[in-house]
């Protein structure tokens, strides 16, 4: 057994009991400053070992800061953390988009962006982190939500297109979750 104590705060303590399979532990806090491990806490004269297979720190973004690119094609609403993008594109708005700009100090050190999107089956969207074509991912909606994962050294924004390259067009899609995280496998 191992005791995990984030931020040296007993209110966040979590006991981990090992078995034959790896154990996943999720701890939620407003911030993290440290994570202390106690092997067989409270016991004396014992030896043993445990291995950390991976560690991830996630930052869930405020999803209320999405904006239309200025031509009024997108109406963006947020209800219970779900962001809905309704768009009405007229001729000449084939590449109109919405965007989310990150506050650099809030996202420093995060190297993985995860978006969970949902929309009308058969309709396409384009996710373009950092306004960088090398990172862009095309999505064709189906019957289930789609998860997009992008890894980069840092993130400054997300550009999001509904039915890119097509106008006129009318439709909507949603972002169910936006997460930035730092992911590193520990050997």
C-alpha atoms as a PDB file:
ATOM      1  CA  UNK A   1       0.000   0.000   0.000  1.00  0.00           C
ATOM      2  CA  UNK A   2       1.113   3.543  -0.763  1.00  0.00           C
ATOM      3  CA  UNK A   3      -0.251   6.802   0.589  1.00  0.00           C
ATOM      4  CA  UNK A   4      -0.334   9.743  -1.867  1.00  0.00           C
ATOM      5  CA  UNK A   5      -0.454  13.186  -0.313  1.00  0.00           C
ATOM      6  CA  UNK A   6      -0.818  16.036  -2.850  1.00  0.00           C
ATOM      7  CA  UNK A   7       0.291  19.489  -1.686  1.00  0.00           C
ATOM      8  CA  UNK A   8       1.197  17.892   1.681  1.00  0.00           C
ATOM      9  CA  UNK A   9      -2.548  18.256   2.426  1.00  0.00           C
ATOM     10  CA  UNK A  10      -4.142  15.476   4.467  1.00  0.00           C
ATOM     11  CA  UNK A  11      -7.548  16.404   2.995  1.00  0.00           C
ATOM     12  CA  UNK A  12      -6.299  15.203  -0.404  1.00  0.00           C
ATOM     13  CA  UNK A  13      -4.663  11.991   0.845  1.00  0.00           C
ATOM     14  CA  UNK A  14      -5.359   8.900  -1.226  1.00  0.00           C
ATOM     15  CA  UNK A  15      -4.486   5.313  -0.331  1.00  0.00           C
ATOM     16  CA  UNK A  16      -3.439   3.044  -3.200  1.00  0.00           C
ATOM     17  CA  UNK A  17      -3.619  -0.724  -2.759  1.00  0.00           C
ATOM     18  CA  UNK A  18      -1.764  -2.737  -5.376  1.00  0.00           C
ATOM     19  CA  UNK A  19      -2.916  -5.956  -7.021  1.00  0.00           C
ATOM     20  CA  UNK A  20      -1.963  -7.784 -10.213  1.00  0.00           C
ATOM     21  CA  UNK A  21      -2.969  -4.946 -12.571  1.00  0.00           C
ATOM     22  CA  UNK A  22      -1.717  -1.347 -12.761  1.00  0.00           C
ATOM     23  CA  UNK A  23      -3.733   1.119 -10.699  1.00  0.00           C
ATOM     24  CA  UNK A  24      -4.982   4.484 -11.971  1.00  0.00           C
ATOM     25  CA  UNK A  25      -5.363   7.262  -9.433  1.00  0.00           C
ATOM     26  CA  UNK A  26      -7.111  10.562 -10.190  1.00  0.00           C
ATOM     27  CA  UNK A  27      -6.733  13.456  -7.766  1.00  0.00           C
ATOM     28  CA  UNK A  28      -8.472  16.789  -8.307  1.00  0.00           C
ATOM     29  CA  UNK A  29      -7.274  20.033  -6.731  1.00  0.00           C
ATOM     30  CA  UNK A  30      -7.307  23.736  -7.582  1.00  0.00           C
ATOM     31  CA  UNK A  31      -3.520  23.613  -7.888  1.00  0.00           C
ATOM     32  CA  UNK A  32      -0.604  21.279  -7.257  1.00  0.00           C
ATOM     33  CA  UNK A  33       2.662  22.211  -5.606  1.00  0.00           C
ATOM     34  CA  UNK A  34       3.896  18.741  -4.611  1.00  0.00           C
ATOM     35  CA  UNK A  35       3.006  15.069  -4.462  1.00  0.00           C
ATOM     36  CA  UNK A  36       4.422  13.086  -1.539  1.00  0.00           C
ATOM     37  CA  UNK A  37       4.493   9.268  -1.598  1.00  0.00           C
ATOM     38  CA  UNK A  38       4.591   7.162   1.572  1.00  0.00           C
ATOM     39  CA  UNK A  39       5.344   3.453   1.102  1.00  0.00           C
ATOM     40  CA  UNK A  40       3.365   1.426   3.688  1.00  0.00           C
ATOM     41  CA  UNK A  41       2.647   4.602   5.660  1.00  0.00           C
ATOM     42  CA  UNK A  42       2.434   4.030   9.399  1.00  0.00           C
ATOM     43  CA  UNK A  43       4.357   0.742   9.247  1.00  0.00           C
ATOM     44  CA  UNK A  44       7.963   0.172  10.321  1.00  0.00           C
ATOM     45  CA  UNK A  45      10.743  -2.253   9.383  1.00  0.00           C
ATOM     46  CA  UNK A  46       9.415  -2.998   5.895  1.00  0.00           C
ATOM     47  CA  UNK A  47      11.020  -3.016   2.467  1.00  0.00           C
ATOM     48  CA  UNK A  48       9.440  -2.991  -0.960  1.00  0.00           C
ATOM     49  CA  UNK A  49       9.069  -1.084  -4.181  1.00  0.00           C
ATOM     50  CA  UNK A  50       6.476   0.350  -6.520  1.00  0.00           C
ATOM     51  CA  UNK A  51       6.781   1.768 -10.023  1.00  0.00           C
ATOM     52  CA  UNK A  52       5.109   4.859 -11.472  1.00  0.00           C
ATOM     53  CA  UNK A  53       4.236   3.918 -15.063  1.00  0.00           C
ATOM     54  CA  UNK A  54       3.026   7.365 -16.070  1.00  0.00           C
ATOM     55  CA  UNK A  55       2.038  10.686 -14.542  1.00  0.00           C
ATOM     56  CA  UNK A  56      -0.295  13.256 -16.102  1.00  0.00           C
ATOM     57  CA  UNK A  57      -1.235  16.744 -14.988  1.00  0.00           C
ATOM     58  CA  UNK A  58      -4.454  18.043 -16.576  1.00  0.00           C
ATOM     59  CA  UNK A  59      -5.758  21.581 -16.790  1.00  0.00           C
ATOM     60  CA  UNK A  60      -9.382  21.887 -17.843  1.00  0.00           C
ATOM     61  CA  UNK A  61      -9.880  25.105 -19.743  1.00  0.00           C
ATOM     62  CA  UNK A  62     -12.528  27.723 -19.339  1.00  0.00           C
ATOM     63  CA  UNK A  63     -14.528  27.177 -22.488  1.00  0.00           C
ATOM     64  CA  UNK A  64     -16.322  30.525 -22.430  1.00  0.00           C
ATOM     65  CA  UNK A  65     -13.597  32.461 -24.260  1.00  0.00           C
ATOM     66  CA  UNK A  66     -14.316  31.195 -27.793  1.00  0.00           C
ATOM     67  CA  UNK A  67     -14.972  34.011 -30.285  1.00  0.00           C
ATOM     68  CA  UNK A  68     -16.136  34.379 -33.883  1.00  0.00           C
ATOM     69  CA  UNK A  69     -13.349  35.565 -36.204  1.00  0.00           C
ATOM     70  CA  UNK A  70     -15.211  38.829 -36.730  1.00  0.00           C
ATOM     71  CA  UNK A  71     -17.527  38.205 -39.667  1.00  0.00           C
ATOM     72  CA  UNK A  72     -20.492  37.087 -37.562  1.00  0.00           C
ATOM     73  CA  UNK A  73     -20.841  33.628 -39.087  1.00  0.00           C
ATOM     74  CA  UNK A  74     -20.546  31.855 -35.703  1.00  0.00           C
ATOM     75  CA  UNK A  75     -22.829  32.144 -32.679  1.00  0.00           C
ATOM     76  CA  UNK A  76     -21.150  30.497 -29.700  1.00  0.00           C
ATOM     77  CA  UNK A  77     -23.013  29.490 -26.559  1.00  0.00           C
ATOM     78  CA  UNK A  78     -21.906  27.664 -23.416  1.00  0.00           C
ATOM     79  CA  UNK A  79     -24.347  25.623 -21.321  1.00  0.00           C
ATOM     80  CA  UNK A  80     -23.075  23.437 -18.458  1.00  0.00           C
ATOM     81  CA  UNK A  81     -19.544  23.480 -19.886  1.00  0.00           C
ATOM     82  CA  UNK A  82     -20.602  22.330 -23.378  1.00  0.00           C
ATOM     83  CA  UNK A  83     -19.700  24.814 -26.117  1.00  0.00           C
ATOM     84  CA  UNK A  84     -22.097  24.944 -29.080  1.00  0.00           C
ATOM     85  CA  UNK A  85     -21.030  26.526 -32.349  1.00  0.00           C
ATOM     86  CA  UNK A  86     -23.938  27.500 -34.622  1.00  0.00           C
ATOM     87  CA  UNK A  87     -22.852  28.855 -37.982  1.00  0.00           C
ATOM     88  CA  UNK A  88     -24.466  30.482 -40.977  1.00  0.00           C
ATOM     89  CA  UNK A  89     -21.899  30.975 -43.734  1.00  0.00           C
ATOM     90  CA  UNK A  90     -22.667  32.943 -46.875  1.00  0.00           C
ATOM     91  CA  UNK A  91     -20.737  32.916 -50.148  1.00  0.00           C
ATOM     92  CA  UNK A  92     -17.187  34.120 -49.525  1.00  0.00           C
ATOM     93  CA  UNK A  93     -17.072  32.706 -45.971  1.00  0.00           C
ATOM     94  CA  UNK A  94     -15.679  29.284 -46.916  1.00  0.00           C
ATOM     95  CA  UNK A  95     -12.851  29.589 -44.392  1.00  0.00           C
ATOM     96  CA  UNK A  96     -14.549  31.590 -41.662  1.00  0.00           C
ATOM     97  CA  UNK A  97     -13.732  30.258 -38.212  1.00  0.00           C
ATOM     98  CA  UNK A  98     -13.923  30.641 -34.466  1.00  0.00           C
ATOM     99  CA  UNK A  99     -10.970  30.783 -32.125  1.00  0.00           C
ATOM    100  CA  UNK A 100      -9.832  30.360 -28.556  1.00  0.00           C
ATOM    101  CA  UNK A 101      -6.728  32.305 -27.496  1.00  0.00           C
ATOM    102  CA  UNK A 102      -4.909  31.012 -24.440  1.00  0.00           C
ATOM    103  CA  UNK A 103      -3.398  33.173 -21.701  1.00  0.00           C
ATOM    104  CA  UNK A 104       0.266  32.182 -21.925  1.00  0.00           C
ATOM    105  CA  UNK A 105       0.883  32.199 -18.170  1.00  0.00           C
ATOM    106  CA  UNK A 106      -2.038  29.807 -17.627  1.00  0.00           C
ATOM    107  CA  UNK A 107      -0.946  27.163 -20.153  1.00  0.00           C
ATOM    108  CA  UNK A 108       2.842  27.203 -19.890  1.00  0.00           C
ATOM    109  CA  UNK A 109       4.269  23.684 -19.720  1.00  0.00           C
ATOM    110  CA  UNK A 110       1.269  21.851 -21.189  1.00  0.00           C
ATOM    111  CA  UNK A 111       2.125  19.763 -24.253  1.00  0.00           C
ATOM    112  CA  UNK A 112      -1.099  17.890 -25.070  1.00  0.00           C
ATOM    113  CA  UNK A 113      -4.452  19.276 -26.210  1.00  0.00           C
ATOM    114  CA  UNK A 114      -7.534  17.034 -26.079  1.00  0.00           C
ATOM    115  CA  UNK A 115     -10.888  18.049 -27.558  1.00  0.00           C
ATOM    116  CA  UNK A 116     -14.048  15.966 -27.553  1.00  0.00           C
ATOM    117  CA  UNK A 117     -16.358  17.115 -30.369  1.00  0.00           C
ATOM    118  CA  UNK A 118     -19.781  16.083 -31.599  1.00  0.00           C
ATOM    119  CA  UNK A 119     -21.796  17.132 -34.631  1.00  0.00           C
ATOM    120  CA  UNK A 120     -24.072  16.080 -37.453  1.00  0.00           C
ATOM    121  CA  UNK A 121     -23.019  12.791 -39.071  1.00  0.00           C
ATOM    122  CA  UNK A 122     -21.138  13.329 -42.325  1.00  0.00           C
ATOM    123  CA  UNK A 123     -20.289  16.987 -41.634  1.00  0.00           C
ATOM    124  CA  UNK A 124     -16.625  18.007 -41.374  1.00  0.00           C
ATOM    125  CA  UNK A 125     -14.785  20.327 -39.002  1.00  0.00           C
ATOM    126  CA  UNK A 126     -11.156  21.376 -38.885  1.00  0.00           C
ATOM    127  CA  UNK A 127      -9.195  21.782 -35.639  1.00  0.00           C
ATOM    128  CA  UNK A 128      -6.044  23.890 -36.087  1.00  0.00           C
ATOM    129  CA  UNK A 129      -4.028  24.387 -32.868  1.00  0.00           C
ATOM    130  CA  UNK A 130      -1.567  27.295 -32.873  1.00  0.00           C
ATOM    131  CA  UNK A 131      -2.924  28.243 -36.318  1.00  0.00           C
ATOM    132  CA  UNK A 132      -0.357  25.687 -37.551  1.00  0.00           C
ATOM    133  CA  UNK A 133      -1.149  23.565 -40.586  1.00  0.00           C
ATOM    134  CA  UNK A 134       1.240  20.857 -39.390  1.00  0.00           C
ATOM    135  CA  UNK A 135      -0.929  20.349 -36.278  1.00  0.00           C
ATOM    136  CA  UNK A 136      -4.354  20.575 -37.926  1.00  0.00           C
ATOM    137  CA  UNK A 137      -6.758  17.646 -37.819  1.00  0.00           C
ATOM    138  CA  UNK A 138      -9.822  17.144 -39.990  1.00  0.00           C
ATOM    139  CA  UNK A 139     -12.844  15.590 -38.299  1.00  0.00           C
ATOM    140  CA  UNK A 140     -15.835  13.939 -39.974  1.00  0.00           C
ATOM    141  CA  UNK A 141     -18.651  13.580 -37.468  1.00  0.00           C
ATOM    142  CA  UNK A 142     -20.366  10.230 -37.052  1.00  0.00           C
ATOM    143  CA  UNK A 143     -22.764   8.681 -34.573  1.00  0.00           C
ATOM    144  CA  UNK A 144     -20.406   9.065 -31.584  1.00  0.00           C
ATOM    145  CA  UNK A 145     -18.342  11.987 -30.237  1.00  0.00           C
ATOM    146  CA  UNK A 146     -14.808  12.251 -31.647  1.00  0.00           C
ATOM    147  CA  UNK A 147     -11.693  12.806 -29.563  1.00  0.00           C
ATOM    148  CA  UNK A 148      -8.888  14.861 -31.085  1.00  0.00           C
ATOM    149  CA  UNK A 149      -5.476  14.741 -29.391  1.00  0.00           C
ATOM    150  CA  UNK A 150      -2.646  17.056 -30.465  1.00  0.00           C
ATOM    151  CA  UNK A 151       0.849  17.207 -28.980  1.00  0.00           C
ATOM    152  CA  UNK A 152       3.066  20.289 -29.312  1.00  0.00           C
ATOM    153  CA  UNK A 153       5.751  22.067 -27.287  1.00  0.00           C
ATOM    154  CA  UNK A 154       3.203  24.733 -26.319  1.00  0.00           C
ATOM    155  CA  UNK A 155      -0.205  26.100 -27.259  1.00  0.00           C
ATOM    156  CA  UNK A 156      -1.232  29.673 -28.026  1.00  0.00           C
ATOM    157  CA  UNK A 157      -4.667  29.159 -29.611  1.00  0.00           C
ATOM    158  CA  UNK A 158      -7.131  26.868 -31.341  1.00  0.00           C
ATOM    159  CA  UNK A 159      -8.692  27.816 -34.664  1.00  0.00           C
ATOM    160  CA  UNK A 160     -11.892  25.877 -35.383  1.00  0.00           C
ATOM    161  CA  UNK A 161     -13.696  25.658 -38.730  1.00  0.00           C
ATOM    162  CA  UNK A 162     -17.191  24.297 -39.384  1.00  0.00           C
ATOM    163  CA  UNK A 163     -17.556  22.808 -42.869  1.00  0.00           C
ATOM    164  CA  UNK A 164     -14.225  24.304 -43.985  1.00  0.00           C
ATOM    165  CA  UNK A 165     -13.981  25.277 -47.630  1.00  0.00           C
ATOM    166  CA  UNK A 166     -17.777  25.196 -48.043  1.00  0.00           C
ATOM    167  CA  UNK A 167     -20.155  28.167 -48.365  1.00  0.00           C
ATOM    168  CA  UNK A 168     -22.948  28.805 -48.161  1.00  0.00           C
ATOM    169  CA  UNK A 169     -23.451  26.413 -45.246  1.00  0.00           C
ATOM    170  CA  UNK A 170     -25.514  26.257 -42.078  1.00  0.00           C
ATOM    171  CA  UNK A 171     -24.992  23.911 -39.170  1.00  0.00           C
ATOM    172  CA  UNK A 172     -23.735  23.372 -35.657  1.00  0.00           C
ATOM    173  CA  UNK A 173     -21.349  21.248 -33.629  1.00  0.00           C
ATOM    174  CA  UNK A 174     -20.279  21.056 -29.999  1.00  0.00           C
ATOM    175  CA  UNK A 175     -17.148  20.755 -27.938  1.00  0.00           C
ATOM    176  CA  UNK A 176     -17.967  18.530 -25.000  1.00  0.00           C
ATOM    177  CA  UNK A 177     -14.543  18.878 -23.371  1.00  0.00           C
ATOM    178  CA  UNK A 178     -11.342  20.892 -23.812  1.00  0.00           C
ATOM    179  CA  UNK A 179      -8.308  19.784 -21.813  1.00  0.00           C
ATOM    180  CA  UNK A 180      -4.660  20.786 -21.805  1.00  0.00           C
ATOM    181  CA  UNK A 181      -2.268  18.436 -20.081  1.00  0.00           C
ATOM    182  CA  UNK A 182       1.381  17.638 -19.652  1.00  0.00           C
ATOM    183  CA  UNK A 183       2.082  14.026 -20.404  1.00  0.00           C
ATOM    184  CA  UNK A 184       5.356  12.256 -19.879  1.00  0.00           C
ATOM    185  CA  UNK A 185       6.025   8.561 -19.521  1.00  0.00           C
ATOM    186  CA  UNK A 186       8.268   7.826 -16.571  1.00  0.00           C
ATOM    187  CA  UNK A 187      10.637   4.885 -17.137  1.00  0.00           C
END
